[in-house]
Amino acid sequence: MDKIEKALARLSKKERAWVRDMLLRLRSGDYQGLNIKKLKGRDDIFRIRKGDIRVLYQVRGGRIFILAIDRRSEETYKM
């Protein structure tokens, strides 16, 4: 099991449903209503926030790569 699957397993059903919906919206280009911010000092890494859940992703060559799905903590943004 990779780290994204482990992170999803730690979430509640409701949170997993939100993440799934958010990923589908991200893939389709529907960013409206998503709380997206670019991380400081990085041109290609963004975060999406809902409550204390953070999804970090990177855009390379027009493709989206999910880097992390986690609850907000001191370790969330350390890479």
N, C-alpha and C. Protein backbone atom coordinates (compact mmCIF):
# COMPACT_ATOMS: atom_id res chain seq x y z
N MET A 1 0.85 -1.18 0.00
CA MET A 1 0.00 0.00 0.00
C MET A 1 0.90 1.25 0.00
N ASP A 2 0.64 2.18 -0.91
CA ASP A 2 1.46 3.39 -0.94
C ASP A 2 0.95 4.41 0.09
N LYS A 3 1.68 5.52 0.23
CA LYS A 3 1.35 6.47 1.30
C LYS A 3 0.02 7.18 1.08
N ILE A 4 -0.40 7.37 -0.17
CA ILE A 4 -1.69 8.00 -0.44
C ILE A 4 -2.83 7.08 0.00
N GLU A 5 -2.71 5.79 -0.31
CA GLU A 5 -3.73 4.82 0.11
C GLU A 5 -3.81 4.74 1.63
N LYS A 6 -2.66 4.78 2.30
CA LYS A 6 -2.64 4.75 3.77
C LYS A 6 -3.32 5.99 4.34
N ALA A 7 -3.03 7.14 3.74
CA ALA A 7 -3.63 8.39 4.20
C ALA A 7 -5.15 8.35 4.03
N LEU A 8 -5.61 7.82 2.92
CA LEU A 8 -7.05 7.71 2.69
C LEU A 8 -7.70 6.75 3.69
N ALA A 9 -7.00 5.69 4.04
CA ALA A 9 -7.53 4.71 4.99
C ALA A 9 -7.72 5.32 6.38
N ARG A 10 -6.93 6.34 6.71
CA ARG A 10 -7.04 6.99 8.03
C ARG A 10 -8.19 7.99 8.10
N LEU A 11 -8.77 8.33 6.96
CA LEU A 11 -9.87 9.30 6.94
C LEU A 11 -11.21 8.61 7.15
N SER A 12 -12.18 9.40 7.58
CA SER A 12 -13.54 8.87 7.73
C SER A 12 -14.17 8.69 6.34
N LYS A 13 -15.30 8.00 6.29
CA LYS A 13 -16.00 7.81 5.01
C LYS A 13 -16.35 9.14 4.37
N LYS A 14 -16.84 10.06 5.18
CA LYS A 14 -17.24 11.38 4.69
C LYS A 14 -16.03 12.13 4.12
N GLU A 15 -14.90 12.06 4.82
CA GLU A 15 -13.69 12.74 4.35
C GLU A 15 -13.17 12.09 3.06
N ARG A 16 -13.21 10.76 2.99
CA ARG A 16 -12.78 10.07 1.76
C ARG A 16 -13.67 10.46 0.58
N ALA A 17 -14.97 10.61 0.82
CA ALA A 17 -15.89 11.02 -0.24
C ALA A 17 -15.54 12.43 -0.72
N TRP A 18 -15.21 13.33 0.22
CA TRP A 18 -14.82 14.69 -0.16
C TRP A 18 -13.55 14.66 -0.99
N VAL A 19 -12.55 13.87 -0.56
CA VAL A 19 -11.28 13.78 -1.30
C VAL A 19 -11.54 13.24 -2.71
N ARG A 20 -12.35 12.21 -2.82
CA ARG A 20 -12.65 11.63 -4.14
C ARG A 20 -13.32 12.68 -5.03
N ASP A 21 -14.30 13.41 -4.49
CA ASP A 21 -14.99 14.46 -5.25
C ASP A 21 -14.01 15.55 -5.67
N MET A 22 -13.16 15.97 -4.74
CA MET A 22 -12.18 17.01 -5.01
C MET A 22 -11.22 16.57 -6.11
N LEU A 23 -10.76 15.32 -6.08
CA LEU A 23 -9.83 14.83 -7.10
C LEU A 23 -10.49 14.79 -8.48
N LEU A 24 -11.75 14.40 -8.53
CA LEU A 24 -12.47 14.40 -9.80
C LEU A 24 -12.63 15.82 -10.34
N ARG A 25 -12.95 16.75 -9.45
CA ARG A 25 -13.08 18.16 -9.86
C ARG A 25 -11.75 18.72 -10.34
N LEU A 26 -10.68 18.38 -9.63
CA LEU A 26 -9.35 18.84 -10.00
C LEU A 26 -8.98 18.31 -11.38
N ARG A 27 -9.25 17.04 -11.61
CA ARG A 27 -8.93 16.41 -12.90
C ARG A 27 -9.73 17.03 -14.05
N SER A 28 -10.98 17.40 -13.77
CA SER A 28 -11.82 17.97 -14.83
C SER A 28 -11.58 19.47 -15.02
N GLY A 29 -10.80 20.09 -14.13
CA GLY A 29 -10.51 21.52 -14.26
C GLY A 29 -11.54 22.41 -13.58
N ASP A 30 -12.42 21.84 -12.77
CA ASP A 30 -13.45 22.60 -12.05
C ASP A 30 -12.90 23.02 -10.69
N TYR A 31 -12.22 24.17 -10.64
CA TYR A 31 -11.57 24.64 -9.41
C TYR A 31 -12.47 25.50 -8.55
N GLN A 32 -13.64 25.86 -9.05
CA GLN A 32 -14.53 26.76 -8.32
C GLN A 32 -14.95 26.13 -6.99
N GLY A 33 -14.79 26.90 -5.93
CA GLY A 33 -15.20 26.44 -4.61
C GLY A 33 -14.14 25.64 -3.87
N LEU A 34 -13.03 25.30 -4.55
CA LEU A 34 -11.94 24.60 -3.88
C LEU A 34 -11.01 25.65 -3.28
N ASN A 35 -10.58 25.43 -2.06
CA ASN A 35 -9.68 26.36 -1.38
C ASN A 35 -8.25 25.98 -1.76
N ILE A 36 -7.77 26.53 -2.89
CA ILE A 36 -6.45 26.19 -3.43
C ILE A 36 -5.51 27.36 -3.21
N LYS A 37 -4.29 27.04 -2.76
CA LYS A 37 -3.24 28.05 -2.63
C LYS A 37 -1.93 27.44 -3.11
N LYS A 38 -1.10 28.29 -3.72
CA LYS A 38 0.24 27.88 -4.11
C LYS A 38 1.13 27.95 -2.88
N LEU A 39 1.98 26.94 -2.68
CA LEU A 39 2.88 26.97 -1.53
C LEU A 39 3.99 27.99 -1.77
N LYS A 40 4.34 28.72 -0.73
CA LYS A 40 5.39 29.73 -0.83
C LYS A 40 6.72 29.08 -1.21
N GLY A 41 7.42 29.74 -2.12
CA GLY A 41 8.73 29.27 -2.52
C GLY A 41 8.70 28.13 -3.53
N ARG A 42 7.52 27.70 -3.93
CA ARG A 42 7.39 26.61 -4.91
C ARG A 42 6.45 27.07 -6.01
N ASP A 43 6.86 26.94 -7.24
CA ASP A 43 6.02 27.36 -8.36
C ASP A 43 5.04 26.29 -8.79
N ASP A 44 5.31 25.05 -8.42
CA ASP A 44 4.53 23.95 -8.98
C ASP A 44 3.78 23.12 -7.95
N ILE A 45 3.80 23.51 -6.66
CA ILE A 45 3.12 22.74 -5.63
C ILE A 45 2.00 23.58 -5.01
N PHE A 46 0.83 22.96 -4.90
CA PHE A 46 -0.37 23.63 -4.39
C PHE A 46 -0.99 22.80 -3.28
N ARG A 47 -1.84 23.45 -2.49
CA ARG A 47 -2.58 22.72 -1.46
C ARG A 47 -4.05 23.05 -1.58
N ILE A 48 -4.86 22.05 -1.28
CA ILE A 48 -6.31 22.23 -1.19
C ILE A 48 -6.68 21.95 0.25
N ARG A 49 -7.51 22.82 0.83
CA ARG A 49 -7.86 22.69 2.25
C ARG A 49 -9.36 22.56 2.40
N LYS A 50 -9.75 21.68 3.31
CA LYS A 50 -11.14 21.61 3.77
C LYS A 50 -11.07 21.18 5.23
N GLY A 51 -11.47 22.08 6.11
CA GLY A 51 -11.35 21.79 7.54
C GLY A 51 -9.89 21.58 7.89
N ASP A 52 -9.59 20.44 8.52
CA ASP A 52 -8.19 20.17 8.86
C ASP A 52 -7.53 19.19 7.88
N ILE A 53 -8.20 18.88 6.77
CA ILE A 53 -7.65 17.99 5.75
C ILE A 53 -6.90 18.83 4.72
N ARG A 54 -5.69 18.40 4.37
CA ARG A 54 -4.89 19.06 3.35
C ARG A 54 -4.53 18.06 2.27
N VAL A 55 -4.65 18.48 1.02
CA VAL A 55 -4.20 17.68 -0.11
C VAL A 55 -3.14 18.51 -0.82
N LEU A 56 -1.93 17.99 -0.89
CA LEU A 56 -0.84 18.66 -1.59
C LEU A 56 -0.68 18.01 -2.95
N TYR A 57 -0.57 18.84 -3.97
CA TYR A 57 -0.38 18.28 -5.31
C TYR A 57 0.58 19.14 -6.11
N GLN A 58 1.13 18.52 -7.14
CA GLN A 58 2.11 19.18 -8.00
C GLN A 58 1.61 19.09 -9.44
N VAL A 59 1.86 20.15 -10.19
CA VAL A 59 1.51 20.16 -11.60
C VAL A 59 2.81 20.15 -12.39
N ARG A 60 2.99 19.10 -13.20
CA ARG A 60 4.18 18.98 -14.05
C ARG A 60 3.73 18.58 -15.45
N GLY A 61 4.10 19.37 -16.41
CA GLY A 61 3.77 19.05 -17.80
C GLY A 61 2.28 18.88 -18.05
N GLY A 62 1.47 19.66 -17.35
CA GLY A 62 0.03 19.57 -17.51
C GLY A 62 -0.61 18.40 -16.79
N ARG A 63 0.18 17.61 -16.07
CA ARG A 63 -0.35 16.47 -15.31
C ARG A 63 -0.35 16.82 -13.82
N ILE A 64 -1.29 16.24 -13.09
CA ILE A 64 -1.44 16.49 -11.66
C ILE A 64 -0.95 15.26 -10.90
N PHE A 65 -0.03 15.48 -9.95
CA PHE A 65 0.50 14.42 -9.11
C PHE A 65 0.14 14.71 -7.66
N ILE A 66 -0.56 13.79 -7.01
CA ILE A 66 -0.92 13.95 -5.60
C ILE A 66 0.30 13.59 -4.76
N LEU A 67 0.75 14.53 -3.93
CA LEU A 67 1.94 14.32 -3.10
C LEU A 67 1.59 13.83 -1.71
N ALA A 68 0.49 14.35 -1.14
CA ALA A 68 0.13 13.98 0.23
C ALA A 68 -1.33 14.30 0.49
N ILE A 69 -1.92 13.49 1.34
CA ILE A 69 -3.26 13.74 1.87
C ILE A 69 -3.12 13.53 3.37
N ASP A 70 -3.37 14.58 4.15
CA ASP A 70 -3.11 14.48 5.58
C ASP A 70 -3.94 15.50 6.35
N ARG A 71 -4.03 15.27 7.64
CA ARG A 71 -4.63 16.27 8.52
C ARG A 71 -3.57 17.33 8.81
N ARG A 72 -3.99 18.54 9.05
CA ARG A 72 -3.08 19.64 9.31
C ARG A 72 -2.30 19.38 10.59
N SER A 73 -0.98 19.49 10.47
CA SER A 73 -0.09 19.38 11.62
C SER A 73 1.20 20.14 11.30
N GLU A 74 2.13 20.12 12.22
CA GLU A 74 3.41 20.78 11.99
C GLU A 74 4.18 20.10 10.85
N GLU A 75 3.91 18.84 10.60
CA GLU A 75 4.63 18.07 9.59
C GLU A 75 3.99 18.12 8.20
N THR A 76 2.81 18.66 8.08
CA THR A 76 2.05 18.59 6.84
C THR A 76 2.82 19.14 5.64
N TYR A 77 3.43 20.29 5.77
CA TYR A 77 4.04 20.95 4.62
C TYR A 77 5.53 20.68 4.48
N LYS A 78 6.10 19.85 5.34
CA LYS A 78 7.53 19.54 5.23
C LYS A 78 7.74 18.48 4.16
N MET A 79 8.63 18.81 3.23
CA MET A 79 8.92 17.86 2.14
C MET A 79 10.40 17.68 1.99
